[in-house]
Amino acid sequence: MPVESIHGRGATRNASPTRFNLQERMAEGDWLDQVEALDGVSSRRTTVTIEKPKSILTRNSSPDVGFDRSINAYRGCEHGCIYCFARPTHAYHDLSPGIDFESRLFVKPDAAKLLHSALSRPGYECAPIAMGTNTDPYQPIEETWQVTRSVIEVLLETRHPFTITTKSNRVLRDLDLLVPAAKLGIASVAISVTSLDPKVSRTMEPRAPSGRKRMEAIKLLNEAGVPCHVAVAPVVDAEVALVVIDDLGRAVAVEVEDARRRDAARIVLRRALPAVV
C-alpha cells in the first residue's frame, strides 16, 4: 500500500487491521492511485470520539506486570510514538494501528465518575492504580478534556495510591494535586526519556515534548516533593541510553529521603506486528 509521509505523524502507513480476522477493506478503481499520484496523500486532522464505558478499572493478573489495575482515560495517542506497543489495540475498533492510532482518538469523560463508583463498592480492596499503561494520560487532548486531572482529584479525595507514567511535561499542570498526594505518600510519577537528540525525537515521537523538557519536568517534580522516576524506554541505542542516564545524573540529582529516592529503569525495544513504518 502507499506510504503516507505526513509531517508531524509517527506512522507512515495506515493498513486495515487484520489482527482479529476482520475483513480487509479495499477501495476499487485505479483512479484512486491516479489522484494520489497527482495530489499526494491528504493530511489527517486529529478527531476525538466520546466513549462511554461501563467501567474504568482494567484488571490484570500477569506476573510480569507490577500492578493489577489501571486506568486509561484515552484510546489512541497523539504523541504518535512509532514504537508504541498499544498501537494494535486500535483494531478493537476496526481502525488501523498506523496513523488511525495517532489521529482518531477516543476520550472517556465519565472516567472520574466511574472510578468513584468503583472505589465505593463494598469489598473493594485498595491497591495502587496505574495510569499511562496503554496510552499517555498527558497527551495533547488532556489540555482540553482534563480527564486525567479529574481522576487524580478522585484519588486524592479518597486517598487512594496511584502511579503515573508519561512522556509529557504537561504533568506539571497538576502539581497542585500531585504535591498534596505525594505528602500523603500515595503518588509517584515516571517520565520516559528515549533520546535527547531533537532529530531522533521528531522521528520517533513527533508530537511528544522534547527530551529536554521531560528532563526539566523530572527535576521540578522532585524539587516539589513528588517522587519522579525516569524510564529510558525504549532503549533503541545503548549509547543513547548512557547519554540520557549520564545527563539525568547531572541535571536532576536532588537530596531526597529514602522513601522518595529516584529510580531508573529501562525497556528494550522489541519489534511487534503489524508494521506501521
Foldseek 3Di string as FASTA:
>chain_A
DDFQPAQLAQFRDWFFDCPPPDDGDDDDDPVVVVCCVVPNDDHAAADEAEDEDPAFWDADDDPVDPFGIEGEQKFAAQLNQQQAPLLNVCCVVRTGSARCRNRYMYGHLCHLVRVLVQVPDPPDDADEYEYCPRYACVGPCCVVRVSVVSNLVSCQVVLGAYEHEHQALCVVVNLVSQLVSLVSVRYAYEHEAAAQDVVVCCNRRVRGDHNVSSLVSCQVCVVSNHQYEYENPEHPDPVRVVVSVVVSCPRRDDDDDPSRDYDYYYHYRDDDDDRRD
